[in-house]
Every structure is written in structure tokens, then in C-alpha cells.
């Protein structure tokens, strides 16, 4: 089971009007591995209007003529879901471990996300073998052990698939637009976020132009985590107070199998 094959037509058409940015420049200007994230779930028409309104100040990542790309992430957690509960209960020391695969290019990385002292997301990554993306190799376990994470207890608990377009603001902030999000449990159960665009703004802290535009049209940041919200959508027994509103409005559980 894969994510939707492309962004919805109106949003895609708007993206086609933007100037482009190459990956090397995007990484040099706005790598933002330590950052503040804000997330929004909006309709495709709102996303298209956003791109049109800010078009003169935006560029879109383009690789080999494509402006949106297929992603897959495999999340790892302990048997007692310490990563999930760290977020669900708002613990100060939180972590996420995942592999992220860029399916169009065949590249893969191992990512570790932790929360900094001022609420910032700190993300570290190392190259990884695409064929091993759903397991933690001994090399990966050594890397995680060095960061005082429970490497030996981690196992794959959720896979997410979606398509992403990446925008760069002239001021250096970054935003991503994700569509067709599908969350898949190890036994093949599915939860979807259908017909919506998940927007994430990423900056050093200040509101971005994308944030300000969305606020002006009545959109506000929402609590959503692909891992935690997806896992809660598939397991009704998990505490999900932080994401209940998002679950009710935007996620649909399907008891079929991929």
C-alpha cells in the first residue's frame, strides 16, 4: 500500500508556478536540524491559495524535474512504547528513532529526534542501508547506545508513507507539504489522513511567512505526530488525549491489510 501518487491537482498546479531550489542550496541555507516546528492540517484548496499568495517569496525543491517525492519512515519503539508514552505524557526527555527512505532516489538515513531544553527539536542522522530500513543493524545499535538510547529493546512499530513537497522562503525558513499519509502497523492494519495536506513550518523560532499567512486565513497549529497519532489511530487502547481532536477530524482507520 502506497501513498497517493501525487499532490492534488490544484496544489500541484500552484507548485508548478514557483521558482526552484536545488537540494545543495536548500541544505546549505535551511538545514535546520535544530529547530522549532509548527504543524497544520489544511485542505488542498487552502494549500494552493497559500502557495499562490506567497509565490514571489517561495522556491520549491526540484530534483530531476519532480517537485514532490515519495517518503517512507519506519519507527522503532520499546515493547512498552517508551517513545510513544514520552510524547503522550509530555515527558522532558523524549526521543524518536526511525529510518527515513527517499524512495525516488533509493537513499535511506537513520534519524534520532530528541527535544532540546527550550522545546526545540534536535535531529541527527546517518546514512543507512535501504534494504535494512525495517530493522536496526548492529551498527545502528552501537550508534544509539552511544546516545544512551535503549537500542537493544527497539523494534519496528509503525511504518508511514506519504508524498512531500519542500518549500524554501527567501528568508531561509522551510516548509513541507505532505499528502496521502498512510500509517501501517506491523500486522498490516491501516490508518489514513485522506484529502488533507499536512504542513510543517521549520524555523529557528520566529514565525515564518507561511505561519503568518495561515494564521491570517484562520488556520492554527494542531497537535499531530505521524508516529504517535498514527499509532493511536490504530490502537484505541493507547492514551491519546494530546491528539484526540486531530484523530477525530482527520484520521480514518481501515481494517484492511497492505
C-alpha atoms as a PDB file:
ATOM      1  CA  UNK A   1       0.000   0.000   0.000  1.00  0.00           C
ATOM      2  CA  UNK A   2       1.495   3.330  -1.051  1.00  0.00           C
ATOM      3  CA  UNK A   3       0.615   6.966  -0.572  1.00  0.00           C
ATOM      4  CA  UNK A   4      -1.371   8.908  -3.160  1.00  0.00           C
ATOM      5  CA  UNK A   5       0.610   9.075  -6.424  1.00  0.00           C
ATOM      6  CA  UNK A   6       0.862  12.893  -6.460  1.00  0.00           C
ATOM      7  CA  UNK A   7      -0.315  16.089  -4.856  1.00  0.00           C
ATOM      8  CA  UNK A   8      -3.882  17.016  -5.677  1.00  0.00           C
ATOM      9  CA  UNK A   9      -4.185  18.850  -8.990  1.00  0.00           C
ATOM     10  CA  UNK A  10      -4.774  22.400  -7.717  1.00  0.00           C
ATOM     11  CA  UNK A  11      -1.881  22.260  -5.267  1.00  0.00           C
ATOM     12  CA  UNK A  12       0.367  20.681  -7.890  1.00  0.00           C
ATOM     13  CA  UNK A  13      -0.534  23.402 -10.392  1.00  0.00           C
ATOM     14  CA  UNK A  14       0.361  26.076  -7.846  1.00  0.00           C
ATOM     15  CA  UNK A  15       3.722  24.394  -7.151  1.00  0.00           C
ATOM     16  CA  UNK A  16       4.494  24.450 -10.861  1.00  0.00           C
ATOM     17  CA  UNK A  17       4.428  28.273 -10.831  1.00  0.00           C
ATOM     18  CA  UNK A  18       7.236  28.577  -8.266  1.00  0.00           C
ATOM     19  CA  UNK A  19      10.915  29.170  -8.810  1.00  0.00           C
ATOM     20  CA  UNK A  20      13.033  26.158  -7.935  1.00  0.00           C
ATOM     21  CA  UNK A  21      15.858  25.463  -5.497  1.00  0.00           C
ATOM     22  CA  UNK A  22      18.446  22.697  -5.690  1.00  0.00           C
ATOM     23  CA  UNK A  23      18.995  20.289  -2.801  1.00  0.00           C
ATOM     24  CA  UNK A  24      22.537  21.503  -2.066  1.00  0.00           C
ATOM     25  CA  UNK A  25      21.363  25.102  -1.662  1.00  0.00           C
ATOM     26  CA  UNK A  26      18.353  24.078   0.439  1.00  0.00           C
ATOM     27  CA  UNK A  27      20.604  22.160   2.816  1.00  0.00           C
ATOM     28  CA  UNK A  28      23.143  24.988   2.984  1.00  0.00           C
ATOM     29  CA  UNK A  29      20.564  27.715   3.642  1.00  0.00           C
ATOM     30  CA  UNK A  30      17.952  25.906   5.739  1.00  0.00           C
ATOM     31  CA  UNK A  31      19.169  22.555   7.020  1.00  0.00           C
ATOM     32  CA  UNK A  32      17.558  23.386  10.400  1.00  0.00           C
ATOM     33  CA  UNK A  33      18.386  20.165  12.215  1.00  0.00           C
ATOM     34  CA  UNK A  34      17.784  22.102  15.455  1.00  0.00           C
ATOM     35  CA  UNK A  35      14.520  23.948  15.018  1.00  0.00           C
ATOM     36  CA  UNK A  36      11.014  24.825  16.097  1.00  0.00           C
ATOM     37  CA  UNK A  37       8.220  23.081  14.177  1.00  0.00           C
ATOM     38  CA  UNK A  38       4.608  24.166  13.726  1.00  0.00           C
ATOM     39  CA  UNK A  39       2.121  21.845  12.071  1.00  0.00           C
ATOM     40  CA  UNK A  40      -1.190  22.436  10.316  1.00  0.00           C
ATOM     41  CA  UNK A  41      -3.709  20.177   8.584  1.00  0.00           C
ATOM     42  CA  UNK A  42      -5.448  22.027   5.756  1.00  0.00           C
ATOM     43  CA  UNK A  43      -7.450  21.330   2.624  1.00  0.00           C
ATOM     44  CA  UNK A  44      -5.760  21.213  -0.764  1.00  0.00           C
ATOM     45  CA  UNK A  45      -7.514  24.442  -1.823  1.00  0.00           C
ATOM     46  CA  UNK A  46      -6.086  26.272   1.212  1.00  0.00           C
ATOM     47  CA  UNK A  47      -2.634  24.869   0.371  1.00  0.00           C
ATOM     48  CA  UNK A  48      -2.919  26.071  -3.232  1.00  0.00           C
ATOM     49  CA  UNK A  49      -4.009  29.550  -2.083  1.00  0.00           C
ATOM     50  CA  UNK A  50      -1.041  29.645   0.326  1.00  0.00           C
ATOM     51  CA  UNK A  51       1.429  28.903  -2.474  1.00  0.00           C
ATOM     52  CA  UNK A  52      -0.189  31.458  -4.779  1.00  0.00           C
ATOM     53  CA  UNK A  53      -0.258  34.190  -2.122  1.00  0.00           C
ATOM     54  CA  UNK A  54       3.401  33.746  -1.147  1.00  0.00           C
ATOM     55  CA  UNK A  55       4.692  32.663  -4.533  1.00  0.00           C
ATOM     56  CA  UNK A  56       7.117  35.557  -5.084  1.00  0.00           C
ATOM     57  CA  UNK A  57       8.895  34.707  -1.818  1.00  0.00           C
ATOM     58  CA  UNK A  58       8.976  30.916  -2.192  1.00  0.00           C
ATOM     59  CA  UNK A  59      11.028  28.368  -4.068  1.00  0.00           C
ATOM     60  CA  UNK A  60      10.269  24.658  -4.344  1.00  0.00           C
ATOM     61  CA  UNK A  61      12.773  21.814  -4.236  1.00  0.00           C
ATOM     62  CA  UNK A  62      13.056  20.182  -7.657  1.00  0.00           C
ATOM     63  CA  UNK A  63      15.013  17.022  -8.460  1.00  0.00           C
ATOM     64  CA  UNK A  64      15.125  15.541 -11.954  1.00  0.00           C
ATOM     65  CA  UNK A  65      12.032  17.526 -12.907  1.00  0.00           C
ATOM     66  CA  UNK A  66       9.939  16.322  -9.945  1.00  0.00           C
ATOM     67  CA  UNK A  67       8.569  18.629  -7.243  1.00  0.00           C
ATOM     68  CA  UNK A  68       7.069  16.110  -4.840  1.00  0.00           C
ATOM     69  CA  UNK A  69       8.601  12.845  -3.690  1.00  0.00           C
ATOM     70  CA  UNK A  70       7.698   9.510  -2.090  1.00  0.00           C
ATOM     71  CA  UNK A  71       8.853   9.032   1.506  1.00  0.00           C
ATOM     72  CA  UNK A  72       8.708   6.046   3.845  1.00  0.00           C
ATOM     73  CA  UNK A  73       9.553   6.088   7.556  1.00  0.00           C
ATOM     74  CA  UNK A  74       9.855   3.087   9.858  1.00  0.00           C
ATOM     75  CA  UNK A  75       9.561   3.956  13.563  1.00  0.00           C
ATOM     76  CA  UNK A  76      11.160   1.920  16.341  1.00  0.00           C
ATOM     77  CA  UNK A  77       9.993   1.732  19.952  1.00  0.00           C
ATOM     78  CA  UNK A  78      10.438  -0.417  23.038  1.00  0.00           C
ATOM     79  CA  UNK A  79       7.939  -3.185  23.912  1.00  0.00           C
ATOM     80  CA  UNK A  80       6.351  -0.831  26.466  1.00  0.00           C
ATOM     81  CA  UNK A  81       6.305   2.036  23.900  1.00  0.00           C
ATOM     82  CA  UNK A  82       8.537   4.405  25.842  1.00  0.00           C
ATOM     83  CA  UNK A  83       8.940   6.669  22.823  1.00  0.00           C
ATOM     84  CA  UNK A  84       5.174   6.936  22.375  1.00  0.00           C
ATOM     85  CA  UNK A  85       4.453   7.483  26.067  1.00  0.00           C
ATOM     86  CA  UNK A  86       7.212  10.070  26.321  1.00  0.00           C
ATOM     87  CA  UNK A  87       5.245  12.211  23.883  1.00  0.00           C
ATOM     88  CA  UNK A  88       1.799  11.243  25.174  1.00  0.00           C
ATOM     89  CA  UNK A  89       2.678  12.261  28.721  1.00  0.00           C
ATOM     90  CA  UNK A  90       4.804  15.269  27.790  1.00  0.00           C
ATOM     91  CA  UNK A  91       7.978  13.973  29.392  1.00  0.00           C
ATOM     92  CA  UNK A  92      11.013  16.224  29.256  1.00  0.00           C
ATOM     93  CA  UNK A  93      13.279  13.527  27.828  1.00  0.00           C
ATOM     94  CA  UNK A  94      11.606  12.397  24.633  1.00  0.00           C
ATOM     95  CA  UNK A  95      13.037  10.578  21.666  1.00  0.00           C
ATOM     96  CA  UNK A  96      12.086   9.087  18.335  1.00  0.00           C
ATOM     97  CA  UNK A  97      14.121   6.645  16.305  1.00  0.00           C
ATOM     98  CA  UNK A  98      13.253   5.970  12.690  1.00  0.00           C
ATOM     99  CA  UNK A  99      14.663   5.163   9.308  1.00  0.00           C
ATOM    100  CA  UNK A 100      13.610   7.520   6.564  1.00  0.00           C
ATOM    101  CA  UNK A 101      13.706   6.317   2.970  1.00  0.00           C
ATOM    102  CA  UNK A 102      13.622   8.590  -0.055  1.00  0.00           C
ATOM    103  CA  UNK A 103      12.022   6.109  -2.381  1.00  0.00           C
ATOM    104  CA  UNK A 104      12.551   8.006  -5.636  1.00  0.00           C
ATOM    105  CA  UNK A 105      16.319   8.145  -5.144  1.00  0.00           C
ATOM    106  CA  UNK A 106      16.792   4.913  -3.172  1.00  0.00           C
ATOM    107  CA  UNK A 107      18.539   6.752  -0.330  1.00  0.00           C
ATOM    108  CA  UNK A 108      17.932   5.983   3.347  1.00  0.00           C
ATOM    109  CA  UNK A 109      19.017   7.504   6.671  1.00  0.00           C
ATOM    110  CA  UNK A 110      18.708   6.581  10.333  1.00  0.00           C
ATOM    111  CA  UNK A 111      17.316   9.530  12.304  1.00  0.00           C
ATOM    112  CA  UNK A 112      17.232  10.246  16.018  1.00  0.00           C
ATOM    113  CA  UNK A 113      14.974  13.075  17.201  1.00  0.00           C
ATOM    114  CA  UNK A 114      15.217  14.452  20.727  1.00  0.00           C
ATOM    115  CA  UNK A 115      13.783  17.514  22.448  1.00  0.00           C
ATOM    116  CA  UNK A 116      16.154  20.312  23.434  1.00  0.00           C
ATOM    117  CA  UNK A 117      15.994  22.312  26.641  1.00  0.00           C
ATOM    118  CA  UNK A 118      13.920  25.111  25.078  1.00  0.00           C
ATOM    119  CA  UNK A 119      11.419  22.877  23.303  1.00  0.00           C
ATOM    120  CA  UNK A 120      13.450  22.705  20.116  1.00  0.00           C
ATOM    121  CA  UNK A 121      13.548  19.572  18.017  1.00  0.00           C
ATOM    122  CA  UNK A 122      17.098  18.252  17.598  1.00  0.00           C
ATOM    123  CA  UNK A 123      17.509  15.795  14.738  1.00  0.00           C
ATOM    124  CA  UNK A 124      20.633  13.784  13.971  1.00  0.00           C
ATOM    125  CA  UNK A 125      21.024  11.431  11.047  1.00  0.00           C
ATOM    126  CA  UNK A 126      23.442   8.981   9.498  1.00  0.00           C
ATOM    127  CA  UNK A 127      23.338   7.147   6.177  1.00  0.00           C
ATOM    128  CA  UNK A 128      21.613   3.759   6.273  1.00  0.00           C
ATOM    129  CA  UNK A 129      21.134   0.699   4.072  1.00  0.00           C
ATOM    130  CA  UNK A 130      17.770   0.878   2.300  1.00  0.00           C
ATOM    131  CA  UNK A 131      17.393  -2.903   2.369  1.00  0.00           C
ATOM    132  CA  UNK A 132      17.682  -2.871   6.189  1.00  0.00           C
ATOM    133  CA  UNK A 133      15.262   0.009   6.796  1.00  0.00           C
ATOM    134  CA  UNK A 134      12.811  -2.052   8.852  1.00  0.00           C
ATOM    135  CA  UNK A 135      15.442  -3.416  11.271  1.00  0.00           C
ATOM    136  CA  UNK A 136      18.197  -1.946  13.424  1.00  0.00           C
ATOM    137  CA  UNK A 137      21.569  -3.349  12.438  1.00  0.00           C
ATOM    138  CA  UNK A 138      24.378  -3.877  14.927  1.00  0.00           C
ATOM    139  CA  UNK A 139      25.999  -0.680  13.640  1.00  0.00           C
ATOM    140  CA  UNK A 140      22.765   1.225  14.273  1.00  0.00           C
ATOM    141  CA  UNK A 141      22.504  -0.237  17.762  1.00  0.00           C
ATOM    142  CA  UNK A 142      26.037   0.912  18.545  1.00  0.00           C
ATOM    143  CA  UNK A 143      25.174   4.409  17.315  1.00  0.00           C
ATOM    144  CA  UNK A 144      22.069   4.515  19.520  1.00  0.00           C
ATOM    145  CA  UNK A 145      23.886   3.064  22.539  1.00  0.00           C
ATOM    146  CA  UNK A 146      26.346   5.933  22.311  1.00  0.00           C
ATOM    147  CA  UNK A 147      23.393   8.320  22.666  1.00  0.00           C
ATOM    148  CA  UNK A 148      22.133   6.498  25.766  1.00  0.00           C
ATOM    149  CA  UNK A 149      19.037   5.195  23.973  1.00  0.00           C
ATOM    150  CA  UNK A 150      17.586   1.686  24.560  1.00  0.00           C
ATOM    151  CA  UNK A 151      18.896   0.297  21.279  1.00  0.00           C
ATOM    152  CA  UNK A 152      18.669  -3.379  22.217  1.00  0.00           C
ATOM    153  CA  UNK A 153      14.963  -3.107  23.068  1.00  0.00           C
ATOM    154  CA  UNK A 154      13.827  -1.214  19.978  1.00  0.00           C
ATOM    155  CA  UNK A 155      11.637  -2.877  17.352  1.00  0.00           C
ATOM    156  CA  UNK A 156       9.638  -1.640  14.362  1.00  0.00           C
ATOM    157  CA  UNK A 157       6.191  -0.477  15.488  1.00  0.00           C
ATOM    158  CA  UNK A 158       4.831   1.681  12.635  1.00  0.00           C
ATOM    159  CA  UNK A 159       5.526   2.481   9.000  1.00  0.00           C
ATOM    160  CA  UNK A 160       4.347   5.706   7.383  1.00  0.00           C
ATOM    161  CA  UNK A 161       4.215   6.528   3.668  1.00  0.00           C
ATOM    162  CA  UNK A 162       3.387   9.833   2.025  1.00  0.00           C
ATOM    163  CA  UNK A 163       4.455  12.326  -0.636  1.00  0.00           C
ATOM    164  CA  UNK A 164       6.272  15.548   0.219  1.00  0.00           C
ATOM    165  CA  UNK A 165       6.985  18.880  -1.429  1.00  0.00           C
ATOM    166  CA  UNK A 166       9.521  21.183   0.235  1.00  0.00           C
ATOM    167  CA  UNK A 167       9.379  24.983   0.122  1.00  0.00           C
ATOM    168  CA  UNK A 168      12.143  27.461   0.920  1.00  0.00           C
ATOM    169  CA  UNK A 169      11.250  31.002   1.957  1.00  0.00           C
ATOM    170  CA  UNK A 170      13.519  33.817   0.826  1.00  0.00           C
ATOM    171  CA  UNK A 171      14.289  34.493   4.496  1.00  0.00           C
ATOM    172  CA  UNK A 172      15.651  30.972   4.994  1.00  0.00           C
ATOM    173  CA  UNK A 173      12.704  29.263   6.723  1.00  0.00           C
ATOM    174  CA  UNK A 174      11.444  25.986   5.333  1.00  0.00           C
ATOM    175  CA  UNK A 175       8.029  24.358   4.987  1.00  0.00           C
ATOM    176  CA  UNK A 176       6.933  20.912   3.861  1.00  0.00           C
ATOM    177  CA  UNK A 177       3.605  19.817   2.371  1.00  0.00           C
ATOM    178  CA  UNK A 178       2.733  16.138   2.906  1.00  0.00           C
ATOM    179  CA  UNK A 179      -0.159  14.365   1.197  1.00  0.00           C
ATOM    180  CA  UNK A 180      -1.549  10.847   1.049  1.00  0.00           C
ATOM    181  CA  UNK A 181      -0.321   9.898   4.535  1.00  0.00           C
ATOM    182  CA  UNK A 182      -0.813   6.204   5.290  1.00  0.00           C
ATOM    183  CA  UNK A 183       0.145   4.645   8.663  1.00  0.00           C
ATOM    184  CA  UNK A 184       0.682   0.884   8.675  1.00  0.00           C
ATOM    185  CA  UNK A 185       1.062  -1.409  11.688  1.00  0.00           C
ATOM    186  CA  UNK A 186       3.386  -4.455  11.560  1.00  0.00           C
ATOM    187  CA  UNK A 187       0.334  -6.698  11.058  1.00  0.00           C
ATOM    188  CA  UNK A 188      -0.898  -4.619   8.110  1.00  0.00           C
ATOM    189  CA  UNK A 189      -3.687  -2.515   9.603  1.00  0.00           C
ATOM    190  CA  UNK A 190      -4.046   0.949   8.058  1.00  0.00           C
ATOM    191  CA  UNK A 191      -4.938   4.443   9.162  1.00  0.00           C
ATOM    192  CA  UNK A 192      -5.122   7.249   6.611  1.00  0.00           C
ATOM    193  CA  UNK A 193      -5.222  11.012   6.513  1.00  0.00           C
ATOM    194  CA  UNK A 194      -7.229  11.386   3.323  1.00  0.00           C
ATOM    195  CA  UNK A 195      -7.833  14.525   1.298  1.00  0.00           C
ATOM    196  CA  UNK A 196      -5.758  16.808   3.533  1.00  0.00           C
ATOM    197  CA  UNK A 197      -2.336  18.428   3.403  1.00  0.00           C
ATOM    198  CA  UNK A 198      -0.082  18.255   6.457  1.00  0.00           C
ATOM    199  CA  UNK A 199       2.005  21.434   6.502  1.00  0.00           C
ATOM    200  CA  UNK A 200       5.063  21.732   8.735  1.00  0.00           C
ATOM    201  CA  UNK A 201       6.947  25.001   9.111  1.00  0.00           C
ATOM    202  CA  UNK A 202      10.525  24.777  10.336  1.00  0.00           C
ATOM    203  CA  UNK A 203      12.457  27.764  11.661  1.00  0.00           C
ATOM    204  CA  UNK A 204      14.870  28.807  14.376  1.00  0.00           C
ATOM    205  CA  UNK A 205      11.863  30.050  16.371  1.00  0.00           C
ATOM    206  CA  UNK A 206      10.268  33.099  14.765  1.00  0.00           C
ATOM    207  CA  UNK A 207       7.011  32.793  12.856  1.00  0.00           C
ATOM    208  CA  UNK A 208       7.550  32.208   9.149  1.00  0.00           C
ATOM    209  CA  UNK A 209       5.707  33.779   6.220  1.00  0.00           C
ATOM    210  CA  UNK A 210       3.783  30.503   5.854  1.00  0.00           C
ATOM    211  CA  UNK A 211       2.771  30.652   9.531  1.00  0.00           C
ATOM    212  CA  UNK A 212       1.589  34.246   9.228  1.00  0.00           C
ATOM    213  CA  UNK A 213      -0.439  33.534   6.084  1.00  0.00           C
ATOM    214  CA  UNK A 214      -2.155  30.519   7.653  1.00  0.00           C
ATOM    215  CA  UNK A 215      -2.968  32.477  10.805  1.00  0.00           C
ATOM    216  CA  UNK A 216      -4.443  35.270   8.674  1.00  0.00           C
ATOM    217  CA  UNK A 217      -6.872  32.844   6.993  1.00  0.00           C
ATOM    218  CA  UNK A 218      -7.959  31.286  10.290  1.00  0.00           C
ATOM    219  CA  UNK A 219      -5.693  28.227  10.432  1.00  0.00           C
ATOM    220  CA  UNK A 220      -3.980  27.400  13.710  1.00  0.00           C
ATOM    221  CA  UNK A 221      -1.247  24.890  14.577  1.00  0.00           C
ATOM    222  CA  UNK A 222      -2.515  21.429  15.532  1.00  0.00           C
ATOM    223  CA  UNK A 223      -1.100  18.641  17.652  1.00  0.00           C
ATOM    224  CA  UNK A 224      -0.032  15.921  15.282  1.00  0.00           C
ATOM    225  CA  UNK A 225       2.824  13.442  15.143  1.00  0.00           C
ATOM    226  CA  UNK A 226       2.932  10.966  12.298  1.00  0.00           C
ATOM    227  CA  UNK A 227       4.189   8.314  14.687  1.00  0.00           C
ATOM    228  CA  UNK A 228       2.083   8.998  17.764  1.00  0.00           C
ATOM    229  CA  UNK A 229      -1.132   9.995  16.015  1.00  0.00           C
ATOM    230  CA  UNK A 230      -0.826   7.106  13.580  1.00  0.00           C
ATOM    231  CA  UNK A 231      -0.166   4.597  16.366  1.00  0.00           C
ATOM    232  CA  UNK A 232      -3.103   5.947  18.394  1.00  0.00           C
ATOM    233  CA  UNK A 233      -5.365   5.706  15.333  1.00  0.00           C
ATOM    234  CA  UNK A 234      -4.522   2.001  15.072  1.00  0.00           C
ATOM    235  CA  UNK A 235      -4.621   1.185  18.813  1.00  0.00           C
ATOM    236  CA  UNK A 236      -7.695   2.573  20.547  1.00  0.00           C
ATOM    237  CA  UNK A 237      -6.410   1.426  23.947  1.00  0.00           C
ATOM    238  CA  UNK A 238      -3.486   3.884  23.912  1.00  0.00           C
ATOM    239  CA  UNK A 239      -3.866   7.211  25.764  1.00  0.00           C
ATOM    240  CA  UNK A 240      -4.232   9.863  23.066  1.00  0.00           C
ATOM    241  CA  UNK A 241      -5.604  12.972  24.767  1.00  0.00           C
ATOM    242  CA  UNK A 242      -2.974  15.156  23.085  1.00  0.00           C
ATOM    243  CA  UNK A 243      -4.144  14.061  19.636  1.00  0.00           C
ATOM    244  CA  UNK A 244      -7.862  13.312  20.107  1.00  0.00           C
ATOM    245  CA  UNK A 245      -9.083  16.327  18.143  1.00  0.00           C
ATOM    246  CA  UNK A 246      -6.750  15.544  15.253  1.00  0.00           C
ATOM    247  CA  UNK A 247      -7.769  11.885  15.305  1.00  0.00           C
ATOM    248  CA  UNK A 248     -11.475  12.688  15.221  1.00  0.00           C
ATOM    249  CA  UNK A 249     -11.185  15.217  12.419  1.00  0.00           C
ATOM    250  CA  UNK A 250      -8.528  13.892  10.101  1.00  0.00           C
ATOM    251  CA  UNK A 251      -7.644  10.212  10.541  1.00  0.00           C
ATOM    252  CA  UNK A 252      -9.608   7.243   9.207  1.00  0.00           C
ATOM    253  CA  UNK A 253      -8.945   3.700  10.353  1.00  0.00           C
ATOM    254  CA  UNK A 254      -9.281   0.935   7.776  1.00  0.00           C
ATOM    255  CA  UNK A 255      -9.183  -2.720   8.863  1.00  0.00           C
ATOM    256  CA  UNK A 256      -7.756  -3.952   5.579  1.00  0.00           C
ATOM    257  CA  UNK A 257      -4.195  -5.084   5.002  1.00  0.00           C
ATOM    258  CA  UNK A 258      -1.388  -3.780   2.824  1.00  0.00           C
END
